[in-house]
C-alpha atoms as a PDB file:
ATOM      1  CA  MET A   1     142.598  59.338  66.432  1.00  0.00           C
ATOM      2  CA  PRO A   2     142.926  61.098  70.076  1.00  0.00           C
ATOM      3  CA  LEU A   3     144.317  64.785  70.567  1.00  0.00           C
ATOM      4  CA  ARG A   4     147.529  66.218  71.154  1.00  0.00           C
ATOM      5  CA  ILE A   5     146.579  68.189  74.627  1.00  0.00           C
ATOM      6  CA  VAL A   6     149.228  70.024  76.687  1.00  0.00           C
ATOM      7  CA  PHE A   7     147.753  70.271  80.498  1.00  0.00           C
ATOM      8  CA  MET A   8     148.494  73.432  82.598  1.00  0.00           C
ATOM      9  CA  GLY A   9     147.826  73.657  85.373  1.00  0.00           C
ATOM     10  CA  SER A  10     148.786  74.120  89.221  1.00  0.00           C
ATOM     11  CA  ALA A  11     145.968  74.250  92.227  1.00  0.00           C
ATOM     12  CA  ALA A  12     143.486  71.715  93.128  1.00  0.00           C
ATOM     13  CA  PHE A  13     140.979  72.679  91.273  1.00  0.00           C
ATOM     14  CA  ALA A  14     142.695  71.464  88.559  1.00  0.00           C
ATOM     15  CA  VAL A  15     143.096  67.907  89.300  1.00  0.00           C
ATOM     16  CA  PRO A  16     139.319  66.514  87.897  1.00  0.00           C
ATOM     17  CA  THR A  17     140.181  67.708  84.979  1.00  0.00           C
ATOM     18  CA  LEU A  18     143.386  65.914  84.391  1.00  0.00           C
ATOM     19  CA  GLU A  19     142.940  62.809  85.415  1.00  0.00           C
ATOM     20  CA  ALA A  20     139.564  62.978  83.977  1.00  0.00           C
ATOM     21  CA  LEU A  21     141.926  63.443  80.299  1.00  0.00           C
ATOM     22  CA  ALA A  22     144.018  61.221  81.635  1.00  0.00           C
ATOM     23  CA  GLY A  23     141.677  58.932  81.696  1.00  0.00           C
ATOM     24  CA  SER A  24     139.913  59.480  78.064  1.00  0.00           C
ATOM     25  CA  GLY A  25     142.040  58.150  75.393  1.00  0.00           C
ATOM     26  CA  GLN A  26     143.529  61.549  74.908  1.00  0.00           C
ATOM     27  CA  ALA A  27     147.652  61.821  74.333  1.00  0.00           C
ATOM     28  CA  ILE A  28     148.949  64.096  76.826  1.00  0.00           C
ATOM     29  CA  PRO A  29     152.597  64.887  75.693  1.00  0.00           C
ATOM     30  CA  LEU A  30     153.644  67.071  78.932  1.00  0.00           C
ATOM     31  CA  VAL A  31     152.011  68.652  82.229  1.00  0.00           C
ATOM     32  CA  LEU A  32     153.075  72.200  82.693  1.00  0.00           C
ATOM     33  CA  THR A  33     152.535  73.470  86.674  1.00  0.00           C
ATOM     34  CA  GLN A  34     154.794  75.540  88.513  1.00  0.00           C
ATOM     35  CA  PRO A  35     157.392  75.242  90.110  1.00  0.00           C
ATOM     36  CA  PRO A  36     157.459  73.693  94.107  1.00  0.00           C
ATOM     37  CA  ARG A  37     157.657  76.616  96.134  1.00  0.00           C
ATOM     38  CA  PRO A  38     158.753  76.452  99.947  1.00  0.00           C
ATOM     39  CA  ALA A  39     155.512  76.034 101.783  1.00  0.00           C
ATOM     40  CA  GLY A  40     155.102  75.478 105.898  1.00  0.00           C
ATOM     41  CA  ARG A  41     156.211  75.818 109.481  1.00  0.00           C
ATOM     42  CA  GLY A  42     159.371  74.281 107.964  1.00  0.00           C
ATOM     43  CA  MET A  43     159.302  76.216 104.847  1.00  0.00           C
ATOM     44  CA  SER A  44     160.777  72.741 102.962  1.00  0.00           C
ATOM     45  CA  GLU A  45     159.720  73.328  99.060  1.00  0.00           C
ATOM     46  CA  ARG A  46     155.816  71.566  98.133  1.00  0.00           C
ATOM     47  CA  ARG A  47     154.606  70.314  95.046  1.00  0.00           C
ATOM     48  CA  THR A  48     151.664  71.697  93.591  1.00  0.00           C
ATOM     49  CA  PRO A  49     148.584  69.456  93.286  1.00  0.00           C
ATOM     50  CA  VAL A  50     148.575  68.638  89.622  1.00  0.00           C
ATOM     51  CA  HIS A  51     152.151  68.590  89.641  1.00  0.00           C
ATOM     52  CA  GLU A  52     151.675  65.449  92.138  1.00  0.00           C
ATOM     53  CA  ALA A  53     148.608  64.135  89.881  1.00  0.00           C
ATOM     54  CA  ALA A  54     150.557  63.764  86.554  1.00  0.00           C
ATOM     55  CA  GLU A  55     153.434  62.267  88.271  1.00  0.00           C
ATOM     56  CA  ARG A  56     151.100  59.468  89.517  1.00  0.00           C
ATOM     57  CA  LEU A  57     149.412  58.968  85.859  1.00  0.00           C
ATOM     58  CA  GLY A  58     152.830  58.897  85.270  1.00  0.00           C
ATOM     59  CA  LEU A  59     153.030  61.725  82.948  1.00  0.00           C
ATOM     60  CA  PRO A  60     155.321  64.127  81.448  1.00  0.00           C
ATOM     61  CA  ILE A  61     156.151  67.109  83.820  1.00  0.00           C
ATOM     62  CA  ALA A  62     157.879  70.568  83.320  1.00  0.00           C
ATOM     63  CA  THR A  63     157.404  73.763  86.053  1.00  0.00           C
ATOM     64  CA  PRO A  64     159.230  76.710  84.438  1.00  0.00           C
ATOM     65  CA  ALA A  65     158.626  79.866  86.741  1.00  0.00           C
ATOM     66  CA  THR A  66     157.704  81.694  82.609  1.00  0.00           C
ATOM     67  CA  LEU A  67     156.879  81.076  79.329  1.00  0.00           C
ATOM     68  CA  ARG A  68     158.198  84.145  77.971  1.00  0.00           C
ATOM     69  CA  ASP A  69     161.830  82.247  77.604  1.00  0.00           C
ATOM     70  CA  PRO A  70     161.676  81.650  74.171  1.00  0.00           C
ATOM     71  CA  SER A  71     163.103  77.900  74.515  1.00  0.00           C
ATOM     72  CA  GLU A  72     159.733  76.875  76.884  1.00  0.00           C
ATOM     73  CA  GLN A  73     157.777  78.645  73.540  1.00  0.00           C
ATOM     74  CA  GLU A  74     160.246  76.679  71.603  1.00  0.00           C
ATOM     75  CA  ARG A  75     159.560  73.170  73.470  1.00  0.00           C
ATOM     76  CA  LEU A  76     155.792  73.302  73.419  1.00  0.00           C
ATOM     77  CA  ARG A  77     155.747  74.046  69.449  1.00  0.00           C
ATOM     78  CA  ALA A  78     158.350  71.338  69.319  1.00  0.00           C
ATOM     79  CA  LEU A  79     155.410  68.878  70.735  1.00  0.00           C
ATOM     80  CA  ALA A  80     153.025  70.080  68.035  1.00  0.00           C
ATOM     81  CA  PRO A  81     149.606  70.024  70.805  1.00  0.00           C
ATOM     82  CA  ASP A  82     146.156  70.183  68.430  1.00  0.00           C
ATOM     83  CA  LEU A  83     145.464  71.596  72.504  1.00  0.00           C
ATOM     84  CA  VAL A  84     146.788  73.451  74.790  1.00  0.00           C
ATOM     85  CA  VAL A  85     143.578  72.846  78.074  1.00  0.00           C
ATOM     86  CA  VAL A  86     144.698  75.380  80.981  1.00  0.00           C
ATOM     87  CA  ALA A  87     142.802  75.117  84.578  1.00  0.00           C
ATOM     88  CA  ALA A  88     144.123  77.237  87.382  1.00  0.00           C
ATOM     89  CA  TYR A  89     147.915  77.289  85.991  1.00  0.00           C
ATOM     90  CA  GLY A  90     148.780  80.706  87.608  1.00  0.00           C
ATOM     91  CA  LEU A  91     151.204  81.721  84.741  1.00  0.00           C
ATOM     92  CA  LEU A  92     150.286  84.078  82.200  1.00  0.00           C
ATOM     93  CA  LEU A  93     150.238  82.855  78.150  1.00  0.00           C
ATOM     94  CA  PRO A  94     151.877  85.108  76.311  1.00  0.00           C
ATOM     95  CA  GLU A  95     150.680  85.083  72.959  1.00  0.00           C
ATOM     96  CA  ALA A  96     152.625  83.928  71.133  1.00  0.00           C
ATOM     97  CA  VAL A  97     152.133  80.256  73.660  1.00  0.00           C
ATOM     98  CA  LEU A  98     148.529  80.469  72.641  1.00  0.00           C
ATOM     99  CA  ALA A  99     148.964  80.705  69.185  1.00  0.00           C
ATOM    100  CA  ILE A 100     151.628  77.101  69.366  1.00  0.00           C
ATOM    101  CA  PRO A 101     148.028  74.806  69.329  1.00  0.00           C
ATOM    102  CA  ARG A 102     146.249  74.095  66.627  1.00  0.00           C
ATOM    103  CA  LEU A 103     142.903  74.476  67.858  1.00  0.00           C
ATOM    104  CA  GLY A 104     144.134  77.018  70.371  1.00  0.00           C
ATOM    105  CA  CYS A 105     143.794  77.300  74.277  1.00  0.00           C
ATOM    106  CA  LEU A 106     140.819  76.608  76.743  1.00  0.00           C
ATOM    107  CA  ASN A 107     140.587  77.388  79.868  1.00  0.00           C
ATOM    108  CA  LEU A 108     138.496  76.764  82.543  1.00  0.00           C
ATOM    109  CA  HIS A 109     137.407  79.552  84.485  1.00  0.00           C
ATOM    110  CA  ALA A 110     135.513  78.768  88.401  1.00  0.00           C
ATOM    111  CA  SER A 111     132.331  81.226  87.154  1.00  0.00           C
ATOM    112  CA  LEU A 112     129.857  82.296  85.255  1.00  0.00           C
ATOM    113  CA  LEU A 113     131.523  84.465  82.933  1.00  0.00           C
ATOM    114  CA  PRO A 114     131.442  87.697  82.610  1.00  0.00           C
ATOM    115  CA  ARG A 115     131.535  87.401  86.344  1.00  0.00           C
ATOM    116  CA  TRP A 116     134.275  87.292  88.286  1.00  0.00           C
ATOM    117  CA  ARG A 117     137.226  87.508  86.078  1.00  0.00           C
ATOM    118  CA  GLY A 118     140.462  87.225  87.738  1.00  0.00           C
ATOM    119  CA  ALA A 119     141.676  85.007  90.811  1.00  0.00           C
ATOM    120  CA  ALA A 120     139.222  84.133  92.854  1.00  0.00           C
ATOM    121  CA  PRO A 121     135.756  83.891  91.328  1.00  0.00           C
ATOM    122  CA  ILE A 122     134.385  81.189  93.916  1.00  0.00           C
ATOM    123  CA  GLN A 123     135.153  83.293  97.203  1.00  0.00           C
ATOM    124  CA  ARG A 124     134.213  86.342  95.506  1.00  0.00           C
ATOM    125  CA  ALA A 125     131.196  84.952  94.462  1.00  0.00           C
ATOM    126  CA  ILE A 126     130.234  83.696  98.058  1.00  0.00           C
ATOM    127  CA  LEU A 127     131.502  86.738  99.204  1.00  0.00           C
ATOM    128  CA  ALA A 128     128.446  88.948  97.027  1.00  0.00           C
ATOM    129  CA  GLY A 129     125.932  86.540  98.329  1.00  0.00           C
ATOM    130  CA  ASP A 130     125.576  85.521  94.588  1.00  0.00           C
ATOM    131  CA  ARG A 131     123.063  82.621  94.724  1.00  0.00           C
ATOM    132  CA  GLU A 132     124.581  81.158  91.963  1.00  0.00           C
ATOM    133  CA  THR A 133     127.644  79.843  90.169  1.00  0.00           C
ATOM    134  CA  GLY A 134     129.158  77.836  87.562  1.00  0.00           C
ATOM    135  CA  VAL A 135     132.292  76.966  85.190  1.00  0.00           C
ATOM    136  CA  CYS A 136     132.654  78.076  82.262  1.00  0.00           C
ATOM    137  CA  LEU A 137     134.775  76.959  78.631  1.00  0.00           C
ATOM    138  CA  MET A 138     136.590  79.732  76.974  1.00  0.00           C
ATOM    139  CA  ARG A 139     138.884  79.898  74.144  1.00  0.00           C
ATOM    140  CA  MET A 140     142.097  81.782  75.509  1.00  0.00           C
ATOM    141  CA  GLU A 141     142.722  85.410  74.387  1.00  0.00           C
ATOM    142  CA  LYS A 142     145.054  88.364  74.807  1.00  0.00           C
ATOM    143  CA  GLY A 143     142.808  89.365  77.875  1.00  0.00           C
ATOM    144  CA  LEU A 144     142.353  88.422  81.783  1.00  0.00           C
ATOM    145  CA  ASP A 145     139.858  86.036  81.197  1.00  0.00           C
ATOM    146  CA  THR A 146     138.367  88.329  78.220  1.00  0.00           C
ATOM    147  CA  GLY A 147     137.810  85.682  75.213  1.00  0.00           C
ATOM    148  CA  PRO A 148     134.792  84.259  73.990  1.00  0.00           C
ATOM    149  CA  VAL A 149     132.732  80.590  75.378  1.00  0.00           C
ATOM    150  CA  TYR A 150     131.966  77.611  74.626  1.00  0.00           C
ATOM    151  CA  ALA A 151     129.348  76.468  77.339  1.00  0.00           C
ATOM    152  CA  CYS A 152     128.925  77.412  80.818  1.00  0.00           C
ATOM    153  CA  ARG A 153     127.413  74.822  83.435  1.00  0.00           C
ATOM    154  CA  ARG A 154     125.439  76.591  85.749  1.00  0.00           C
ATOM    155  CA  THR A 155     124.858  75.574  89.671  1.00  0.00           C
ATOM    156  CA  PRO A 156     123.354  76.964  93.033  1.00  0.00           C
ATOM    157  CA  ILE A 157     125.121  77.857  95.919  1.00  0.00           C
ATOM    158  CA  GLY A 158     124.190  76.179  98.990  1.00  0.00           C
ATOM    159  CA  PRO A 159     122.841  78.602 102.439  1.00  0.00           C
ATOM    160  CA  ARG A 160     126.050  76.942 104.439  1.00  0.00           C
ATOM    161  CA  GLU A 161     127.967  76.614 101.315  1.00  0.00           C
ATOM    162  CA  THR A 162     132.250  76.588 101.880  1.00  0.00           C
ATOM    163  CA  ALA A 163     134.386  78.111  99.376  1.00  0.00           C
ATOM    164  CA  GLY A 164     135.900  74.430  99.687  1.00  0.00           C
ATOM    165  CA  ALA A 165     133.068  72.382  99.518  1.00  0.00           C
ATOM    166  CA  LEU A 166     132.039  75.269  96.393  1.00  0.00           C
ATOM    167  CA  HIS A 167     135.798  74.500  95.000  1.00  0.00           C
ATOM    168  CA  ASP A 168     135.743  70.978  94.773  1.00  0.00           C
ATOM    169  CA  ARG A 169     131.796  71.012  92.961  1.00  0.00           C
ATOM    170  CA  LEU A 170     133.116  73.137  90.437  1.00  0.00           C
ATOM    171  CA  ALA A 171     135.904  70.960  89.925  1.00  0.00           C
ATOM    172  CA  ALA A 172     134.289  68.051  89.010  1.00  0.00           C
ATOM    173  CA  LEU A 173     131.968  69.780  86.819  1.00  0.00           C
ATOM    174  CA  ALA A 174     134.805  71.390  84.956  1.00  0.00           C
ATOM    175  CA  ALA A 175     135.800  68.449  83.756  1.00  0.00           C
ATOM    176  CA  ASP A 176     132.284  67.151  83.073  1.00  0.00           C
ATOM    177  CA  LEU A 177     132.118  70.172  80.468  1.00  0.00           C
ATOM    178  CA  LEU A 178     135.382  69.418  79.011  1.00  0.00           C
ATOM    179  CA  LEU A 179     135.083  66.041  78.068  1.00  0.00           C
ATOM    180  CA  GLU A 180     131.842  66.900  77.226  1.00  0.00           C
ATOM    181  CA  LEU A 181     132.570  69.433  74.867  1.00  0.00           C
ATOM    182  CA  LEU A 182     135.917  67.996  72.956  1.00  0.00           C
ATOM    183  CA  PRO A 183     134.686  65.959  70.299  1.00  0.00           C
ATOM    184  CA  ALA A 184     132.933  69.203  68.569  1.00  0.00           C
ATOM    185  CA  ILE A 185     135.657  70.563  69.206  1.00  0.00           C
ATOM    186  CA  ALA A 186     138.167  68.737  67.495  1.00  0.00           C
ATOM    187  CA  ALA A 187     135.281  68.348  65.043  1.00  0.00           C
ATOM    188  CA  GLY A 188     135.642  71.583  64.451  1.00  0.00           C
ATOM    189  CA  THR A 189     131.656  72.620  65.405  1.00  0.00           C
ATOM    190  CA  ALA A 190     132.060  73.993  68.851  1.00  0.00           C
ATOM    191  CA  HIS A 191     131.957  78.511  68.614  1.00  0.00           C
ATOM    192  CA  PRO A 192     132.564  79.494  70.662  1.00  0.00           C
ATOM    193  CA  THR A 193     129.785  83.112  72.526  1.00  0.00           C
ATOM    194  CA  PRO A 194     131.852  86.854  72.341  1.00  0.00           C
ATOM    195  CA  GLN A 195     131.206  87.549  76.309  1.00  0.00           C
ATOM    196  CA  PRO A 196     128.739  91.114  76.763  1.00  0.00           C
ATOM    197  CA  ALA A 197     130.208  93.178  77.965  1.00  0.00           C
ATOM    198  CA  GLU A 198     127.508  94.098  80.154  1.00  0.00           C
ATOM    199  CA  GLY A 199     128.075  92.572  84.266  1.00  0.00           C
ATOM    200  CA  VAL A 200     131.642  92.471  84.123  1.00  0.00           C
ATOM    201  CA  THR A 201     133.591  92.266  87.119  1.00  0.00           C
ATOM    202  CA  TYR A 202     136.486  91.140  88.882  1.00  0.00           C
ATOM    203  CA  ALA A 203     137.212  88.531  91.117  1.00  0.00           C
ATOM    204  CA  ALA A 204     140.754  90.379  92.728  1.00  0.00           C
ATOM    205  CA  LYS A 205     143.145  88.257  95.404  1.00  0.00           C
ATOM    206  CA  ILE A 206     142.174  87.920  98.063  1.00  0.00           C
ATOM    207  CA  GLY A 207     144.746  88.983 100.740  1.00  0.00           C
ATOM    208  CA  PRO A 208     144.443  90.097 104.677  1.00  0.00           C
ATOM    209  CA  ALA A 209     141.921  93.029 104.055  1.00  0.00           C
ATOM    210  CA  ASP A 210     139.852  90.145 103.521  1.00  0.00           C
ATOM    211  CA  GLN A 211     140.053  87.691 106.033  1.00  0.00           C
ATOM    212  CA  ARG A 212     139.713  90.650 109.658  1.00  0.00           C
ATOM    213  CA  LEU A 213     136.434  90.231 111.017  1.00  0.00           C
ATOM    214  CA  ASP A 214     134.039  93.682 111.594  1.00  0.00           C
ATOM    215  CA  PHE A 215     131.587  92.987 113.964  1.00  0.00           C
ATOM    216  CA  ALA A 216     130.117  96.409 113.026  1.00  0.00           C
ATOM    217  CA  ARG A 217     129.021  95.182 109.563  1.00  0.00           C
ATOM    218  CA  ALA A 218     125.708  92.713 109.517  1.00  0.00           C
ATOM    219  CA  ALA A 219     125.500  89.148 110.698  1.00  0.00           C
ATOM    220  CA  VAL A 220     125.224  88.438 107.491  1.00  0.00           C
ATOM    221  CA  GLU A 221     127.743  89.583 105.882  1.00  0.00           C
ATOM    222  CA  LEU A 222     130.470  88.255 108.141  1.00  0.00           C
ATOM    223  CA  ASP A 223     128.747  84.742 107.988  1.00  0.00           C
ATOM    224  CA  ARG A 224     129.664  84.869 103.843  1.00  0.00           C
ATOM    225  CA  GLN A 225     132.449  86.185 104.722  1.00  0.00           C
ATOM    226  CA  VAL A 226     133.737  83.038 107.061  1.00  0.00           C
ATOM    227  CA  ARG A 227     132.050  80.559 104.513  1.00  0.00           C
ATOM    228  CA  ALA A 228     134.335  81.701 101.766  1.00  0.00           C
ATOM    229  CA  LEU A 229     137.199  81.966 103.401  1.00  0.00           C
ATOM    230  CA  SER A 230     136.958  78.784 104.966  1.00  0.00           C
ATOM    231  CA  PRO A 231     138.772  75.998 105.015  1.00  0.00           C
ATOM    232  CA  ALA A 232     142.063  78.621 103.679  1.00  0.00           C
ATOM    233  CA  PRO A 233     143.144  81.009 104.655  1.00  0.00           C
ATOM    234  CA  GLY A 234     140.499  81.461 106.788  1.00  0.00           C
ATOM    235  CA  ALA A 235     138.584  84.239 109.189  1.00  0.00           C
ATOM    236  CA  TRP A 236     139.825  85.946 112.293  1.00  0.00           C
ATOM    237  CA  CYS A 237     139.372  87.985 114.881  1.00  0.00           C
ATOM    238  CA  LEU A 238     141.303  89.361 118.513  1.00  0.00           C
ATOM    239  CA  ALA A 239     139.932  87.244 121.314  1.00  0.00           C
ATOM    240  CA  ARG A 240     141.878  89.088 124.770  1.00  0.00           C
ATOM    241  CA  GLY A 241     144.683  90.220 122.278  1.00  0.00           C
ATOM    242  CA  GLU A 242     145.237  87.112 120.386  1.00  0.00           C
ATOM    243  CA  ARG A 243     144.309  85.763 117.412  1.00  0.00           C
ATOM    244  CA  LEU A 244     141.200  83.490 116.158  1.00  0.00           C
ATOM    245  CA  LEU A 245     140.655  81.875 112.763  1.00  0.00           C
ATOM    246  CA  VAL A 246     136.149  81.396 112.665  1.00  0.00           C
ATOM    247  CA  LEU A 247     136.043  78.066 110.465  1.00  0.00           C
ATOM    248  CA  GLU A 248     132.635  77.825 111.056  1.00  0.00           C
ATOM    249  CA  ALA A 249     129.698  80.267 111.703  1.00  0.00           C
ATOM    250  CA  GLU A 250     125.911  81.294 111.676  1.00  0.00           C
ATOM    251  CA  PRO A 251     123.874  84.009 112.417  1.00  0.00           C
ATOM    252  CA  VAL A 252     121.358  83.803 114.531  1.00  0.00           C
ATOM    253  CA  GLU A 253     119.293  85.950 116.275  1.00  0.00           C
ATOM    254  CA  GLY A 254     120.245  86.754 120.015  1.00  0.00           C
ATOM    255  CA  PRO A 255     120.705  89.719 122.370  1.00  0.00           C
ATOM    256  CA  LYS A 256     121.337  93.104 120.994  1.00  0.00           C
ATOM    257  CA  GLY A 257     124.563  94.039 122.501  1.00  0.00           C
ATOM    258  CA  ALA A 258     127.752  96.129 121.215  1.00  0.00           C
ATOM    259  CA  PRO A 259     129.382  95.177 118.309  1.00  0.00           C
ATOM    260  CA  GLY A 260     131.968  92.641 119.610  1.00  0.00           C
ATOM    261  CA  GLU A 261     130.010  91.704 122.511  1.00  0.00           C
ATOM    262  CA  VAL A 262     129.768  88.045 123.734  1.00  0.00           C
ATOM    263  CA  VAL A 263     125.870  87.953 124.323  1.00  0.00           C
ATOM    264  CA  GLY A 264     125.248  84.101 124.623  1.00  0.00           C
ATOM    265  CA  LEU A 265     127.096  80.967 125.607  1.00  0.00           C
ATOM    266  CA  PRO A 266     128.973  79.297 124.202  1.00  0.00           C
ATOM    267  CA  LEU A 267     129.942  82.341 121.541  1.00  0.00           C
ATOM    268  CA  THR A 268     127.895  84.825 119.864  1.00  0.00           C
ATOM    269  CA  VAL A 269     129.436  87.826 119.537  1.00  0.00           C
ATOM    270  CA  ALA A 270     126.846  90.914 118.721  1.00  0.00           C
ATOM    271  CA  CYS A 271     127.409  91.860 115.500  1.00  0.00           C
ATOM    272  CA  GLY A 272     125.798  95.637 113.862  1.00  0.00           C
ATOM    273  CA  GLU A 273     122.979  94.210 112.836  1.00  0.00           C
ATOM    274  CA  GLY A 274     122.717  90.789 114.302  1.00  0.00           C
ATOM    275  CA  ALA A 275     124.686  88.230 115.895  1.00  0.00           C
ATOM    276  CA  LEU A 276     127.206  85.897 114.434  1.00  0.00           C
ATOM    277  CA  ALA A 277     127.381  82.655 116.456  1.00  0.00           C
ATOM    278  CA  LEU A 278     131.184  81.409 116.347  1.00  0.00           C
ATOM    279  CA  HIS A 279     130.692  77.372 116.072  1.00  0.00           C
ATOM    280  CA  ARG A 280     134.463  76.457 115.260  1.00  0.00           C
ATOM    281  CA  VAL A 281     137.370  78.413 116.064  1.00  0.00           C
ATOM    282  CA  GLN A 282     141.615  77.698 116.530  1.00  0.00           C
ATOM    283  CA  ARG A 283     144.039  79.663 118.292  1.00  0.00           C
ATOM    284  CA  ALA A 284     147.273  80.441 117.084  1.00  0.00           C
ATOM    285  CA  GLY A 285     149.227  76.951 117.385  1.00  0.00           C
ATOM    286  CA  ARG A 286     146.669  75.102 118.587  1.00  0.00           C
ATOM    287  CA  LYS A 287     143.871  72.731 116.336  1.00  0.00           C
ATOM    288  CA  ALA A 288     140.130  73.180 115.669  1.00  0.00           C
ATOM    289  CA  MET A 289     138.124  73.264 118.113  1.00  0.00           C
ATOM    290  CA  SER A 290     134.233  73.665 119.152  1.00  0.00           C
ATOM    291  CA  ALA A 291     133.072  77.305 121.211  1.00  0.00           C
ATOM    292  CA  ALA A 292     132.142  74.901 123.959  1.00  0.00           C
ATOM    293  CA  GLU A 293     135.996  73.309 123.975  1.00  0.00           C
ATOM    294  CA  LEU A 294     136.678  77.045 123.591  1.00  0.00           C
ATOM    295  CA  GLN A 295     135.403  78.169 126.199  1.00  0.00           C
ATOM    296  CA  ARG A 296     136.951  75.551 129.029  1.00  0.00           C
ATOM    297  CA  GLY A 297     140.738  76.656 127.760  1.00  0.00           C
ATOM    298  CA  PHE A 298     139.498  80.306 126.989  1.00  0.00           C
ATOM    299  CA  PRO A 299     137.315  81.845 128.081  1.00  0.00           C
ATOM    300  CA  LEU A 300     135.135  84.157 126.917  1.00  0.00           C
ATOM    301  CA  PRO A 301     132.236  84.657 129.523  1.00  0.00           C
ATOM    302  CA  LEU A 302     130.132  87.534 128.553  1.00  0.00           C
ATOM    303  CA  GLY A 303     130.606  90.928 128.334  1.00  0.00           C
ATOM    304  CA  SER A 304     133.760  90.415 127.027  1.00  0.00           C
ATOM    305  CA  ARG A 305     135.014  91.517 123.861  1.00  0.00           C
ATOM    306  CA  LEU A 306     135.737  90.057 120.326  1.00  0.00           C
ATOM    307  CA  ASP A 307     137.213  92.667 117.901  1.00  0.00           C
END
């Protein structure tokens, strides 16, 4: 018999898992995702990637602003789910919700727990220079990503890999992991292991303070920052007083100069240690372009400074 699975997700990371569940023959009586929110220049309401995917798959959708509302909890109880599967949902599950499904609530998390619990595990792993990461399937409990883990799948982080590319690989890995473990979870033969107390780190949400490039730091650190924030929200610096997004860069051996000084063309910038070649950039309100294209319309000659 197929399991009755309520799916909760919002971000693009969750879409492959939802598609895999729908294609596996499981019964999905409801998909919960965050409500549409204003976005873009026109601030028109934008639905989540999971909302779009669920509609495409013909699945019932609900968009509660919170799960603390007793009426929302009663709706879930009435569905009598065997399992709740959560992936990049963005809303907290109260204890009353955690207790509803017969087999519990499962969460797919994009790190090797207990490292990088929290909101931005992919970006924080790259920022920290981690050589590998992965996905874990855990049984949810009250704490933030503290539940016991059924299994993890590991993968190396490529030396030039961006958060966007790693995100897509981990999303596919998460879907495969869930489908692999579902039969044992349904049969009651899968037993999660408590997370170790050692090695806990927290992946704080990426904020404005994480985005600005400080050329007094080492080039290898700035390279990780650019990759961790690509494609969004992007790392940036000031060039001629204007914000310049740096979408692609690479640490290089270059002439020495003061941090932030342009020491090579088309656009190599001295750092506290080494130099950073900016390969692809974007001015405010413009399209992304190569450093050479930037120099033709917005010259940054040798000796000029980025801050």
